[in-house]
Amino acid sequence: MLAYKNTIANAISHGLIEPGSVPIYGNFLFTIEDEQANLDGLWIANAKGVTFFSENDAYYLNRTFIYSEIAHCTKKVSLLAMSPKVELSTSDGHTYSMIVEQEDARRFTHTVHERKKNIAKF
C-alpha cells in the first residue's frame, strides 16, 4: 500500500494526475532501451491519453499513448494469477497488460473506451 501511495504522490508532483484522471496501479512489462523491464507503477487515463508512469532509483518512465494510438483496451482474467487484468493494445501492434483489482479494471477500461469514442467523433 505504501508503494501505491508513493507512486500516486510522485505522479501528482509531476502533474500527471488531473481532475477526471483514472489511475490504476499494478505490475507491467515495458521495453526500455531494448530490454524488457518488469515495472510497478501506474497507468493513468487522462484527457490526453493513457500515461504509463513508474519511478524508482533505477528508472523513470513517463510514456503517454494518445487515444488515437490506442487500438483497444480490454479487461480480461489472468489465468495464472486468477485475477483481472487490463490489456492495452496500440495501433503499432504492441500489447501491454497489467494485473489489477476488479473495480479498477472495469472503471479504467470504460474510461478509455469512452474517451476513444469521444475523440473519434471529432
PDB file of N, CA and C in Angstrom:
ATOM      1  N   MET A   1       0.810  -1.191   0.000  1.00  0.00           N
ATOM      2  CA  MET A   1       0.000   0.000   0.000  1.00  0.00           C
ATOM      3  C   MET A   1       0.861   1.266   0.000  1.00  0.00           C
ATOM      4  N   LEU A   2       2.001   1.201   0.663  1.00  0.00           N
ATOM      5  CA  LEU A   2       2.899   2.351   0.710  1.00  0.00           C
ATOM      6  C   LEU A   2       3.455   2.660  -0.675  1.00  0.00           C
ATOM      7  N   ALA A   3       3.803   1.626  -1.442  1.00  0.00           N
ATOM      8  CA  ALA A   3       4.318   1.845  -2.797  1.00  0.00           C
ATOM      9  C   ALA A   3       3.270   2.541  -3.658  1.00  0.00           C
ATOM     10  N   TYR A   4       2.016   2.115  -3.531  1.00  0.00           N
ATOM     11  CA  TYR A   4       0.918   2.738  -4.282  1.00  0.00           C
ATOM     12  C   TYR A   4       0.807   4.216  -3.922  1.00  0.00           C
ATOM     13  N   LYS A   5       0.787   4.526  -2.617  1.00  0.00           N
ATOM     14  CA  LYS A   5       0.647   5.914  -2.174  1.00  0.00           C
ATOM     15  C   LYS A   5       1.824   6.761  -2.645  1.00  0.00           C
ATOM     16  N   ASN A   6       3.036   6.210  -2.573  1.00  0.00           N
ATOM     17  CA  ASN A   6       4.212   6.947  -3.042  1.00  0.00           C
ATOM     18  C   ASN A   6       4.155   7.199  -4.542  1.00  0.00           C
ATOM     19  N   THR A   7       3.700   6.214  -5.311  1.00  0.00           N
ATOM     20  CA  THR A   7       3.608   6.364  -6.755  1.00  0.00           C
ATOM     21  C   THR A   7       2.563   7.409  -7.120  1.00  0.00           C
ATOM     22  N   ILE A   8       1.426   7.389  -6.439  1.00  0.00           N
ATOM     23  CA  ILE A   8       0.389   8.404  -6.670  1.00  0.00           C
ATOM     24  C   ILE A   8       0.949   9.795  -6.352  1.00  0.00           C
ATOM     25  N   ALA A   9       1.627   9.934  -5.215  1.00  0.00           N
ATOM     26  CA  ALA A   9       2.199  11.229  -4.827  1.00  0.00           C
ATOM     27  C   ALA A   9       3.219  11.704  -5.861  1.00  0.00           C
ATOM     28  N   ASN A  10       4.070  10.794  -6.364  1.00  0.00           N
ATOM     29  CA  ASN A  10       5.051  11.175  -7.391  1.00  0.00           C
ATOM     30  C   ASN A  10       4.368  11.590  -8.691  1.00  0.00           C
ATOM     31  N   ALA A  11       3.337  10.871  -9.083  1.00  0.00           N
ATOM     32  CA  ALA A  11       2.608  11.216 -10.307  1.00  0.00           C
ATOM     33  C   ALA A  11       1.947  12.590 -10.175  1.00  0.00           C
ATOM     34  N   ILE A  12       1.394  12.874  -9.016  1.00  0.00           N
ATOM     35  CA  ILE A  12       0.784  14.185  -8.781  1.00  0.00           C
ATOM     36  C   ILE A  12       1.848  15.271  -8.851  1.00  0.00           C
ATOM     37  N   SER A  13       3.014  15.021  -8.236  1.00  0.00           N
ATOM     38  CA  SER A  13       4.081  16.034  -8.241  1.00  0.00           C
ATOM     39  C   SER A  13       4.606  16.308  -9.647  1.00  0.00           C
ATOM     40  N   HIS A  14       4.471  15.340 -10.557  1.00  0.00           N
ATOM     41  CA  HIS A  14       4.883  15.523 -11.954  1.00  0.00           C
ATOM     42  C   HIS A  14       3.741  16.052 -12.816  1.00  0.00           C
ATOM     43  N   GLY A  15       2.578  16.334 -12.210  1.00  0.00           N
ATOM     44  CA  GLY A  15       1.446  16.877 -12.937  1.00  0.00           C
ATOM     45  C   GLY A  15       0.738  15.879 -13.839  1.00  0.00           C
ATOM     46  N   LEU A  16       0.856  14.580 -13.524  1.00  0.00           N
ATOM     47  CA  LEU A  16       0.267  13.544 -14.371  1.00  0.00           C
ATOM     48  C   LEU A  16      -1.165  13.191 -14.015  1.00  0.00           C
ATOM     49  N   ILE A  17      -1.575  13.500 -12.795  1.00  0.00           N
ATOM     50  CA  ILE A  17      -2.948  13.212 -12.381  1.00  0.00           C
ATOM     51  C   ILE A  17      -3.685  14.540 -12.282  1.00  0.00           C
ATOM     52  N   GLU A  18      -4.750  14.623 -13.060  1.00  0.00           N
ATOM     53  CA  GLU A  18      -5.558  15.836 -13.138  1.00  0.00           C
ATOM     54  C   GLU A  18      -7.000  15.474 -12.783  1.00  0.00           C
ATOM     55  N   PRO A  19      -7.864  16.463 -12.600  1.00  0.00           N
ATOM     56  CA  PRO A  19      -9.269  16.133 -12.361  1.00  0.00           C
ATOM     57  C   PRO A  19      -9.813  15.282 -13.517  1.00  0.00           C
ATOM     58  N   GLY A  20     -10.505  14.224 -13.197  1.00  0.00           N
ATOM     59  CA  GLY A  20     -11.041  13.334 -14.217  1.00  0.00           C
ATOM     60  C   GLY A  20     -10.113  12.203 -14.614  1.00  0.00           C
ATOM     61  N   SER A  21      -8.880  12.182 -14.089  1.00  0.00           N
ATOM     62  CA  SER A  21      -7.950  11.087 -14.379  1.00  0.00           C
ATOM     63  C   SER A  21      -8.407   9.817 -13.682  1.00  0.00           C
ATOM     64  N   VAL A  22      -8.138   8.681 -14.322  1.00  0.00           N
ATOM     65  CA  VAL A  22      -8.447   7.385 -13.725  1.00  0.00           C
ATOM     66  C   VAL A  22      -7.145   6.586 -13.677  1.00  0.00           C
ATOM     67  N   PRO A  23      -6.488   6.530 -12.514  1.00  0.00           N
ATOM     68  CA  PRO A  23      -5.249   5.757 -12.404  1.00  0.00           C
ATOM     69  C   PRO A  23      -5.515   4.329 -11.935  1.00  0.00           C
ATOM     70  N   ILE A  24      -4.710   3.405 -12.434  1.00  0.00           N
ATOM     71  CA  ILE A  24      -4.690   2.043 -11.900  1.00  0.00           C
ATOM     72  C   ILE A  24      -3.247   1.713 -11.579  1.00  0.00           C
ATOM     73  N   TYR A  25      -3.048   0.918 -10.548  1.00  0.00           N
ATOM     74  CA  TYR A  25      -1.706   0.558 -10.090  1.00  0.00           C
ATOM     75  C   TYR A  25      -1.504  -0.939 -10.240  1.00  0.00           C
ATOM     76  N   GLY A  26      -0.320  -1.306 -10.671  1.00  0.00           N
ATOM     77  CA  GLY A  26      -0.005  -2.716 -10.786  1.00  0.00           C
ATOM     78  C   GLY A  26       1.385  -2.926 -11.334  1.00  0.00           C
ATOM     79  N   ASN A  27       1.597  -4.116 -11.879  1.00  0.00           N
ATOM     80  CA  ASN A  27       2.893  -4.527 -12.410  1.00  0.00           C
ATOM     81  C   ASN A  27       2.728  -4.779 -13.901  1.00  0.00           C
ATOM     82  N   PHE A  28       3.691  -4.296 -14.704  1.00  0.00           N
ATOM     83  CA  PHE A  28       3.613  -4.475 -16.141  1.00  0.00           C
ATOM     84  C   PHE A  28       5.018  -4.549 -16.740  1.00  0.00           C
ATOM     85  N   LEU A  29       5.117  -5.174 -17.912  1.00  0.00           N
ATOM     86  CA  LEU A  29       6.376  -5.242 -18.653  1.00  0.00           C
ATOM     87  C   LEU A  29       6.445  -4.083 -19.625  1.00  0.00           C
ATOM     88  N   PHE A  30       7.618  -3.483 -19.749  1.00  0.00           N
ATOM     89  CA  PHE A  30       7.823  -2.395 -20.701  1.00  0.00           C
ATOM     90  C   PHE A  30       9.262  -2.476 -21.196  1.00  0.00           C
ATOM     91  N   THR A  31       9.462  -2.214 -22.470  1.00  0.00           N
ATOM     92  CA  THR A  31      10.805  -2.261 -23.040  1.00  0.00           C
ATOM     93  C   THR A  31      11.474  -0.899 -22.882  1.00  0.00           C
ATOM     94  N   ILE A  32      12.617  -0.910 -22.221  1.00  0.00           N
ATOM     95  CA  ILE A  32      13.413   0.294 -22.004  1.00  0.00           C
ATOM     96  C   ILE A  32      14.798   0.022 -22.575  1.00  0.00           C
ATOM     97  N   GLU A  33      15.187   0.830 -23.561  1.00  0.00           N
ATOM     98  CA  GLU A  33      16.485   0.671 -24.221  1.00  0.00           C
ATOM     99  C   GLU A  33      16.720  -0.774 -24.639  1.00  0.00           C
ATOM    100  N   ASP A  34      15.766  -1.345 -25.357  1.00  0.00           N
ATOM    101  CA  ASP A  34      15.820  -2.701 -25.918  1.00  0.00           C
ATOM    102  C   ASP A  34      15.849  -3.816 -24.881  1.00  0.00           C
ATOM    103  N   GLU A  35      15.550  -3.514 -23.632  1.00  0.00           N
ATOM    104  CA  GLU A  35      15.468  -4.540 -22.593  1.00  0.00           C
ATOM    105  C   GLU A  35      14.102  -4.475 -21.932  1.00  0.00           C
ATOM    106  N   GLN A  36      13.508  -5.652 -21.698  1.00  0.00           N
ATOM    107  CA  GLN A  36      12.215  -5.685 -21.014  1.00  0.00           C
ATOM    108  C   GLN A  36      12.426  -5.505 -19.520  1.00  0.00           C
ATOM    109  N   ALA A  37      11.674  -4.567 -18.961  1.00  0.00           N
ATOM    110  CA  ALA A  37      11.733  -4.317 -17.525  1.00  0.00           C
ATOM    111  C   ALA A  37      10.371  -4.645 -16.917  1.00  0.00           C
ATOM    112  N   ASN A  38      10.376  -5.255 -15.773  1.00  0.00           N
ATOM    113  CA  ASN A  38       9.165  -5.570 -15.023  1.00  0.00           C
ATOM    114  C   ASN A  38       8.955  -4.414 -14.046  1.00  0.00           C
ATOM    115  N   LEU A  39       7.943  -3.587 -14.292  1.00  0.00           N
ATOM    116  CA  LEU A  39       7.766  -2.341 -13.549  1.00  0.00           C
ATOM    117  C   LEU A  39       6.529  -2.363 -12.661  1.00  0.00           C
ATOM    118  N   ASP A  40       6.638  -1.735 -11.504  1.00  0.00           N
ATOM    119  CA  ASP A  40       5.481  -1.422 -10.677  1.00  0.00           C
ATOM    120  C   ASP A  40       5.171   0.039 -10.936  1.00  0.00           C
ATOM    121  N   GLY A  41       3.911   0.337 -11.213  1.00  0.00           N
ATOM    122  CA  GLY A  41       3.584   1.723 -11.484  1.00  0.00           C
ATOM    123  C   GLY A  41       2.132   1.926 -11.817  1.00  0.00           C
ATOM    124  N   LEU A  42       1.871   3.074 -12.421  1.00  0.00           N
ATOM    125  CA  LEU A  42       0.510   3.490 -12.745  1.00  0.00           C
ATOM    126  C   LEU A  42       0.292   3.509 -14.251  1.00  0.00           C
ATOM    127  N   TRP A  43      -0.932   3.219 -14.634  1.00  0.00           N
ATOM    128  CA  TRP A  43      -1.457   3.582 -15.941  1.00  0.00           C
ATOM    129  C   TRP A  43      -2.513   4.620 -15.610  1.00  0.00           C
ATOM    130  N   ILE A  44      -2.447   5.760 -16.264  1.00  0.00           N
ATOM    131  CA  ILE A  44      -3.345   6.859 -15.947  1.00  0.00           C
ATOM    132  C   ILE A  44      -4.116   7.248 -17.206  1.00  0.00           C
ATOM    133  N   ALA A  45      -5.423   7.062 -17.181  1.00  0.00           N
ATOM    134  CA  ALA A  45      -6.275   7.541 -18.269  1.00  0.00           C
ATOM    135  C   ALA A  45      -6.604   8.992 -17.951  1.00  0.00           C
ATOM    136  N   ASN A  46      -6.049   9.900 -18.747  1.00  0.00           N
ATOM    137  CA  ASN A  46      -6.316  11.318 -18.526  1.00  0.00           C
ATOM    138  C   ASN A  46      -6.859  11.935 -19.815  1.00  0.00           C
ATOM    139  N   ALA A  47      -6.949  13.237 -19.886  1.00  0.00           N
ATOM    140  CA  ALA A  47      -7.568  13.899 -21.037  1.00  0.00           C
ATOM    141  C   ALA A  47      -6.799  13.648 -22.331  1.00  0.00           C
ATOM    142  N   LYS A  48      -5.475  13.544 -22.273  1.00  0.00           N
ATOM    143  CA  LYS A  48      -4.654  13.401 -23.481  1.00  0.00           C
ATOM    144  C   LYS A  48      -4.567  11.974 -23.992  1.00  0.00           C
ATOM    145  N   GLY A  49      -4.583  11.024 -23.089  1.00  0.00           N
ATOM    146  CA  GLY A  49      -4.406   9.625 -23.461  1.00  0.00           C
ATOM    147  C   GLY A  49      -4.136   8.794 -22.225  1.00  0.00           C
ATOM    148  N   VAL A  50      -3.418   7.690 -22.423  1.00  0.00           N
ATOM    149  CA  VAL A  50      -3.057   6.811 -21.313  1.00  0.00           C
ATOM    150  C   VAL A  50      -1.561   6.952 -21.064  1.00  0.00           C
ATOM    151  N   THR A  51      -1.225   7.316 -19.842  1.00  0.00           N
ATOM    152  CA  THR A  51       0.174   7.502 -19.456  1.00  0.00           C
ATOM    153  C   THR A  51       0.626   6.324 -18.617  1.00  0.00           C
ATOM    154  N   PHE A  52       1.777   5.741 -18.990  1.00  0.00           N
ATOM    155  CA  PHE A  52       2.441   4.734 -18.166  1.00  0.00           C
ATOM    156  C   PHE A  52       3.453   5.499 -17.323  1.00  0.00           C
ATOM    157  N   PHE A  53       3.384   5.327 -15.994  1.00  0.00           N
ATOM    158  CA  PHE A  53       4.289   6.040 -15.096  1.00  0.00           C
ATOM    159  C   PHE A  53       4.863   5.089 -14.069  1.00  0.00           C
ATOM    160  N   SER A  54       6.179   5.114 -13.948  1.00  0.00           N
ATOM    161  CA  SER A  54       6.876   4.334 -12.931  1.00  0.00           C
ATOM    162  C   SER A  54       8.175   5.057 -12.613  1.00  0.00           C
ATOM    163  N   GLU A  55       8.512   5.085 -11.331  1.00  0.00           N
ATOM    164  CA  GLU A  55       9.715   5.799 -10.921  1.00  0.00           C
ATOM    165  C   GLU A  55      10.313   5.127  -9.695  1.00  0.00           C
ATOM    166  N   ASN A  56      11.619   4.876  -9.759  1.00  0.00           N
ATOM    167  CA  ASN A  56      12.361   4.420  -8.585  1.00  0.00           C
ATOM    168  C   ASN A  56      13.815   4.824  -8.770  1.00  0.00           C
ATOM    169  N   ASP A  57      14.718   4.292  -7.969  1.00  0.00           N
ATOM    170  CA  ASP A  57      16.133   4.677  -8.060  1.00  0.00           C
ATOM    171  C   ASP A  57      16.778   4.256  -9.373  1.00  0.00           C
ATOM    172  N   ALA A  58      16.270   3.206 -10.007  1.00  0.00           N
ATOM    173  CA  ALA A  58      16.898   2.662 -11.211  1.00  0.00           C
ATOM    174  C   ALA A  58      16.331   3.233 -12.513  1.00  0.00           C
ATOM    175  N   TYR A  59      15.092   3.693 -12.513  1.00  0.00           N
ATOM    176  CA  TYR A  59      14.488   4.145 -13.766  1.00  0.00           C
ATOM    177  C   TYR A  59      13.383   5.171 -13.531  1.00  0.00           C
ATOM    178  N   TYR A  60      13.033   5.841 -14.630  1.00  0.00           N
ATOM    179  CA  TYR A  60      11.917   6.776 -14.651  1.00  0.00           C
ATOM    180  C   TYR A  60      11.192   6.568 -15.977  1.00  0.00           C
ATOM    181  N   LEU A  61       9.931   6.232 -15.917  1.00  0.00           N
ATOM    182  CA  LEU A  61       9.132   6.026 -17.117  1.00  0.00           C
ATOM    183  C   LEU A  61       7.921   6.952 -17.065  1.00  0.00           C
ATOM    184  N   ASN A  62       7.752   7.736 -18.123  1.00  0.00           N
ATOM    185  CA  ASN A  62       6.600   8.614 -18.275  1.00  0.00           C
ATOM    186  C   ASN A  62       6.275   8.610 -19.768  1.00  0.00           C
ATOM    187  N   ARG A  63       5.443   7.658 -20.202  1.00  0.00           N
ATOM    188  CA  ARG A  63       5.128   7.471 -21.621  1.00  0.00           C
ATOM    189  C   ARG A  63       3.629   7.583 -21.819  1.00  0.00           C
ATOM    190  N   THR A  64       3.206   8.526 -22.666  1.00  0.00           N
ATOM    191  CA  THR A  64       1.783   8.701 -22.941  1.00  0.00           C
ATOM    192  C   THR A  64       1.455   8.197 -24.339  1.00  0.00           C
ATOM    193  N   PHE A  65       0.400   7.396 -24.424  1.00  0.00           N
ATOM    194  CA  PHE A  65      -0.170   6.958 -25.693  1.00  0.00           C
ATOM    195  C   PHE A  65      -1.430   7.789 -25.896  1.00  0.00           C
ATOM    196  N   ILE A  66      -1.457   8.644 -26.925  1.00  0.00           N
ATOM    197  CA  ILE A  66      -2.668   9.415 -27.176  1.00  0.00           C
ATOM    198  C   ILE A  66      -3.754   8.455 -27.635  1.00  0.00           C
ATOM    199  N   TYR A  67      -4.999   8.856 -27.440  1.00  0.00           N
ATOM    200  CA  TYR A  67      -6.106   7.936 -27.692  1.00  0.00           C
ATOM    201  C   TYR A  67      -6.143   7.420 -29.130  1.00  0.00           C
ATOM    202  N   SER A  68      -5.698   8.219 -30.091  1.00  0.00           N
ATOM    203  CA  SER A  68      -5.690   7.751 -31.482  1.00  0.00           C
ATOM    204  C   SER A  68      -4.646   6.656 -31.718  1.00  0.00           C
ATOM    205  N   GLU A  69      -3.669   6.523 -30.828  1.00  0.00           N
ATOM    206  CA  GLU A  69      -2.654   5.460 -30.925  1.00  0.00           C
ATOM    207  C   GLU A  69      -3.122   4.145 -30.299  1.00  0.00           C
ATOM    208  N   ILE A  70      -4.217   4.187 -29.551  1.00  0.00           N
ATOM    209  CA  ILE A  70      -4.692   3.004 -28.836  1.00  0.00           C
ATOM    210  C   ILE A  70      -5.697   2.255 -29.707  1.00  0.00           C
ATOM    211  N   ALA A  71      -5.371   1.002 -30.021  1.00  0.00           N
ATOM    212  CA  ALA A  71      -6.282   0.172 -30.822  1.00  0.00           C
ATOM    213  C   ALA A  71      -7.455  -0.297 -29.964  1.00  0.00           C
ATOM    214  N   HIS A  72      -7.156  -0.836 -28.788  1.00  0.00           N
ATOM    215  CA  HIS A  72      -8.214  -1.230 -27.861  1.00  0.00           C
ATOM    216  C   HIS A  72      -7.660  -1.422 -26.460  1.00  0.00           C
ATOM    217  N   CYS A  73      -8.582  -1.383 -25.504  1.00  0.00           N
ATOM    218  CA  CYS A  73      -8.266  -1.565 -24.090  1.00  0.00           C
ATOM    219  C   CYS A  73      -9.361  -2.453 -23.524  1.00  0.00           C
ATOM    220  N   THR A  74      -8.969  -3.611 -23.007  1.00  0.00           N
ATOM    221  CA  THR A  74      -9.954  -4.575 -22.541  1.00  0.00           C
ATOM    222  C   THR A  74      -9.614  -5.105 -21.155  1.00  0.00           C
ATOM    223  N   LYS A  75     -10.663  -5.556 -20.467  1.00  0.00           N
ATOM    224  CA  LYS A  75     -10.499  -6.220 -19.176  1.00  0.00           C
ATOM    225  C   LYS A  75     -10.587  -7.716 -19.434  1.00  0.00           C
ATOM    226  N   LYS A  76      -9.615  -8.450 -18.946  1.00  0.00           N
ATOM    227  CA  LYS A  76      -9.596  -9.901 -19.087  1.00  0.00           C
ATOM    228  C   LYS A  76      -9.294 -10.515 -17.727  1.00  0.00           C
ATOM    229  N   VAL A  77      -9.136 -11.824 -17.703  1.00  0.00           N
ATOM    230  CA  VAL A  77      -8.756 -12.519 -16.476  1.00  0.00           C
ATOM    231  C   VAL A  77      -7.426 -13.218 -16.721  1.00  0.00           C
ATOM    232  N   SER A  78      -6.496 -12.999 -15.831  1.00  0.00           N
ATOM    233  CA  SER A  78      -5.226 -13.700 -15.886  1.00  0.00           C
ATOM    234  C   SER A  78      -5.433 -15.083 -15.288  1.00  0.00           C
ATOM    235  N   LEU A  79      -5.271 -16.108 -16.090  1.00  0.00           N
ATOM    236  CA  LEU A  79      -5.459 -17.467 -15.588  1.00  0.00           C
ATOM    237  C   LEU A  79      -4.349 -17.859 -14.616  1.00  0.00           C
ATOM    238  N   LEU A  80      -3.165 -17.322 -14.837  1.00  0.00           N
ATOM    239  CA  LEU A  80      -2.044 -17.625 -13.955  1.00  0.00           C
ATOM    240  C   LEU A  80      -2.247 -16.999 -12.568  1.00  0.00           C
ATOM    241  N   ALA A  81      -2.630 -15.727 -12.542  1.00  0.00           N
ATOM    242  CA  ALA A  81      -2.815 -15.025 -11.268  1.00  0.00           C
ATOM    243  C   ALA A  81      -4.243 -15.153 -10.727  1.00  0.00           C
ATOM    244  N   MET A  82      -5.154 -15.628 -11.572  1.00  0.00           N
ATOM    245  CA  MET A  82      -6.571 -15.733 -11.218  1.00  0.00           C
ATOM    246  C   MET A  82      -7.112 -14.398 -10.715  1.00  0.00           C
ATOM    247  N   SER A  83      -6.745 -13.327 -11.390  1.00  0.00           N
ATOM    248  CA  SER A  83      -7.275 -12.013 -11.099  1.00  0.00           C
ATOM    249  C   SER A  83      -7.460 -11.227 -12.389  1.00  0.00           C
ATOM    250  N   PRO A  84      -8.210 -10.131 -12.310  1.00  0.00           N
ATOM    251  CA  PRO A  84      -8.440  -9.344 -13.511  1.00  0.00           C
ATOM    252  C   PRO A  84      -7.166  -8.682 -13.999  1.00  0.00           C
ATOM    253  N   LYS A  85      -7.126  -8.472 -15.307  1.00  0.00           N
ATOM    254  CA  LYS A  85      -6.019  -7.728 -15.882  1.00  0.00           C
ATOM    255  C   LYS A  85      -6.565  -6.825 -16.968  1.00  0.00           C
ATOM    256  N   VAL A  86      -5.839  -5.770 -17.229  1.00  0.00           N
ATOM    257  CA  VAL A  86      -6.170  -4.843 -18.291  1.00  0.00           C
ATOM    258  C   VAL A  86      -5.143  -5.047 -19.393  1.00  0.00           C
ATOM    259  N   GLU A  87      -5.632  -5.172 -20.634  1.00  0.00           N
ATOM    260  CA  GLU A  87      -4.749  -5.238 -21.793  1.00  0.00           C
ATOM    261  C   GLU A  87      -4.971  -3.994 -22.634  1.00  0.00           C
ATOM    262  N   LEU A  88      -3.870  -3.337 -22.971  1.00  0.00           N
ATOM    263  CA  LEU A  88      -3.914  -2.161 -23.818  1.00  0.00           C
ATOM    264  C   LEU A  88      -3.084  -2.458 -25.055  1.00  0.00           C
ATOM    265  N   SER A  89      -3.704  -2.374 -26.226  1.00  0.00           N
ATOM    266  CA  SER A  89      -3.009  -2.615 -27.488  1.00  0.00           C
ATOM    267  C   SER A  89      -2.923  -1.311 -28.260  1.00  0.00           C
ATOM    268  N   THR A  90      -1.758  -1.072 -28.834  1.00  0.00           N
ATOM    269  CA  THR A  90      -1.558   0.152 -29.611  1.00  0.00           C
ATOM    270  C   THR A  90      -1.702  -0.147 -31.089  1.00  0.00           C
ATOM    271  N   SER A  91      -1.878   0.887 -31.869  1.00  0.00           N
ATOM    272  CA  SER A  91      -2.075   0.722 -33.309  1.00  0.00           C
ATOM    273  C   SER A  91      -0.823   0.199 -34.009  1.00  0.00           C
ATOM    274  N   ASP A  92       0.332   0.283 -33.365  1.00  0.00           N
ATOM    275  CA  ASP A  92       1.555  -0.257 -33.975  1.00  0.00           C
ATOM    276  C   ASP A  92       1.809  -1.724 -33.606  1.00  0.00           C
ATOM    277  N   GLY A  93       0.829  -2.363 -32.946  1.00  0.00           N
ATOM    278  CA  GLY A  93       0.895  -3.791 -32.679  1.00  0.00           C
ATOM    279  C   GLY A  93       1.433  -4.208 -31.324  1.00  0.00           C
ATOM    280  N   HIS A  94       1.815  -3.268 -30.471  1.00  0.00           N
ATOM    281  CA  HIS A  94       2.283  -3.618 -29.130  1.00  0.00           C
ATOM    282  C   HIS A  94       1.089  -3.845 -28.202  1.00  0.00           C
ATOM    283  N   THR A  95       1.224  -4.815 -27.328  1.00  0.00           N
ATOM    284  CA  THR A  95       0.199  -5.079 -26.327  1.00  0.00           C
ATOM    285  C   THR A  95       0.856  -5.091 -24.953  1.00  0.00           C
ATOM    286  N   TYR A  96       0.248  -4.384 -24.029  1.00  0.00           N
ATOM    287  CA  TYR A  96       0.721  -4.304 -22.650  1.00  0.00           C
ATOM    288  C   TYR A  96      -0.381  -4.830 -21.753  1.00  0.00           C
ATOM    289  N   SER A  97      -0.012  -5.455 -20.636  1.00  0.00           N
ATOM    290  CA  SER A  97      -1.026  -5.932 -19.699  1.00  0.00           C
ATOM    291  C   SER A  97      -0.594  -5.656 -18.263  1.00  0.00           C
ATOM    292  N   MET A  98      -1.599  -5.438 -17.414  1.00  0.00           N
ATOM    293  CA  MET A  98      -1.368  -5.161 -16.001  1.00  0.00           C
ATOM    294  C   MET A  98      -2.438  -5.872 -15.183  1.00  0.00           C
ATOM    295  N   ILE A  99      -2.023  -6.614 -14.173  1.00  0.00           N
ATOM    296  CA  ILE A  99      -2.955  -7.250 -13.248  1.00  0.00           C
ATOM    297  C   ILE A  99      -3.393  -6.198 -12.228  1.00  0.00           C
ATOM    298  N   VAL A 100      -4.718  -6.087 -12.051  1.00  0.00           N
ATOM    299  CA  VAL A 100      -5.278  -5.026 -11.210  1.00  0.00           C
ATOM    300  C   VAL A 100      -6.450  -5.558 -10.400  1.00  0.00           C
ATOM    301  N   GLU A 101      -7.033  -4.692  -9.590  1.00  0.00           N
ATOM    302  CA  GLU A 101      -8.238  -5.026  -8.842  1.00  0.00           C
ATOM    303  C   GLU A 101      -9.444  -4.989  -9.780  1.00  0.00           C
ATOM    304  N   GLN A 102     -10.470  -5.745  -9.472  1.00  0.00           N
ATOM    305  CA  GLN A 102     -11.659  -5.869 -10.315  1.00  0.00           C
ATOM    306  C   GLN A 102     -12.286  -4.522 -10.674  1.00  0.00           C
ATOM    307  N   GLU A 103     -12.608  -3.729  -9.667  1.00  0.00           N
ATOM    308  CA  GLU A 103     -13.271  -2.441  -9.916  1.00  0.00           C
ATOM    309  C   GLU A 103     -12.371  -1.494 -10.691  1.00  0.00           C
ATOM    310  N   ASP A 104     -11.060  -1.509 -10.389  1.00  0.00           N
ATOM    311  CA  ASP A 104     -10.121  -0.657 -11.114  1.00  0.00           C
ATOM    312  C   ASP A 104     -10.118  -0.989 -12.594  1.00  0.00           C
ATOM    313  N   ALA A 105     -10.113  -2.278 -12.915  1.00  0.00           N
ATOM    314  CA  ALA A 105     -10.074  -2.717 -14.315  1.00  0.00           C
ATOM    315  C   ALA A 105     -11.319  -2.240 -15.049  1.00  0.00           C
ATOM    316  N   ARG A 106     -12.464  -2.425 -14.458  1.00  0.00           N
ATOM    317  CA  ARG A 106     -13.725  -2.043 -15.103  1.00  0.00           C
ATOM    318  C   ARG A 106     -13.773  -0.537 -15.344  1.00  0.00           C
ATOM    319  N   ARG A 107     -13.457   0.241 -14.331  1.00  0.00           N
ATOM    320  CA  ARG A 107     -13.519   1.704 -14.448  1.00  0.00           C
ATOM    321  C   ARG A 107     -12.508   2.226 -15.464  1.00  0.00           C
ATOM    322  N   PHE A 108     -11.298   1.696 -15.431  1.00  0.00           N
ATOM    323  CA  PHE A 108     -10.246   2.147 -16.342  1.00  0.00           C
ATOM    324  C   PHE A 108     -10.612   1.851 -17.795  1.00  0.00           C
ATOM    325  N   THR A 109     -10.990   0.601 -18.093  1.00  0.00           N
ATOM    326  CA  THR A 109     -11.299   0.243 -19.485  1.00  0.00           C
ATOM    327  C   THR A 109     -12.517   1.014 -19.989  1.00  0.00           C
ATOM    328  N   HIS A 110     -13.505   1.225 -19.133  1.00  0.00           N
ATOM    329  CA  HIS A 110     -14.675   2.011 -19.527  1.00  0.00           C
ATOM    330  C   HIS A 110     -14.267   3.443 -19.878  1.00  0.00           C
ATOM    331  N   THR A 111     -13.422   4.046 -19.055  1.00  0.00           N
ATOM    332  CA  THR A 111     -12.966   5.420 -19.292  1.00  0.00           C
ATOM    333  C   THR A 111     -12.200   5.518 -20.605  1.00  0.00           C
ATOM    334  N   VAL A 112     -11.279   4.589 -20.854  1.00  0.00           N
ATOM    335  CA  VAL A 112     -10.505   4.619 -22.098  1.00  0.00           C
ATOM    336  C   VAL A 112     -11.440   4.461 -23.296  1.00  0.00           C
ATOM    337  N   HIS A 113     -12.363   3.523 -23.213  1.00  0.00           N
ATOM    338  CA  HIS A 113     -13.311   3.299 -24.309  1.00  0.00           C
ATOM    339  C   HIS A 113     -14.124   4.563 -24.598  1.00  0.00           C
ATOM    340  N   GLU A 114     -14.664   5.188 -23.568  1.00  0.00           N
ATOM    341  CA  GLU A 114     -15.473   6.395 -23.744  1.00  0.00           C
ATOM    342  C   GLU A 114     -14.659   7.548 -24.322  1.00  0.00           C
ATOM    343  N   ARG A 115     -13.445   7.722 -23.860  1.00  0.00           N
ATOM    344  CA  ARG A 115     -12.612   8.819 -24.366  1.00  0.00           C
ATOM    345  C   ARG A 115     -12.176   8.571 -25.802  1.00  0.00           C
ATOM    346  N   LYS A 116     -11.901   7.319 -26.158  1.00  0.00           N
ATOM    347  CA  LYS A 116     -11.585   6.999 -27.550  1.00  0.00           C
ATOM    348  C   LYS A 116     -12.783   7.279 -28.444  1.00  0.00           C
ATOM    349  N   LYS A 117     -13.959   6.934 -27.966  1.00  0.00           N
ATOM    350  CA  LYS A 117     -15.185   7.156 -28.735  1.00  0.00           C
ATOM    351  C   LYS A 117     -15.417   8.668 -28.928  1.00  0.00           C
ATOM    352  N   ASN A 118     -15.182   9.459 -27.883  1.00  0.00           N
ATOM    353  CA  ASN A 118     -15.359  10.908 -27.985  1.00  0.00           C
ATOM    354  C   ASN A 118     -14.333  11.539 -28.923  1.00  0.00           C
ATOM    355  N   ILE A 119     -13.112  11.034 -28.918  1.00  0.00           N
ATOM    356  CA  ILE A 119     -12.061  11.542 -29.812  1.00  0.00           C
ATOM    357  C   ILE A 119     -12.437  11.227 -31.253  1.00  0.00           C
ATOM    358  N   ALA A 120     -12.978  10.019 -31.495  1.00  0.00           N
ATOM    359  CA  ALA A 120     -13.339   9.599 -32.845  1.00  0.00           C
ATOM    360  C   ALA A 120     -14.442  10.462 -33.447  1.00  0.00           C
ATOM    361  N   LYS A 121     -15.259  11.104 -32.613  1.00  0.00           N
ATOM    362  CA  LYS A 121     -16.338  11.964 -33.104  1.00  0.00           C
ATOM    363  C   LYS A 121     -15.796  13.223 -33.766  1.00  0.00           C
ATOM    364  N   PHE A 122     -14.594  13.644 -33.369  1.00  0.00           N
ATOM    365  CA  PHE A 122     -14.033  14.891 -33.898  1.00  0.00           C
ATOM    366  C   PHE A 122     -13.252  14.637 -35.105  1.00  0.00           C
TER     367      PHE A 122
END
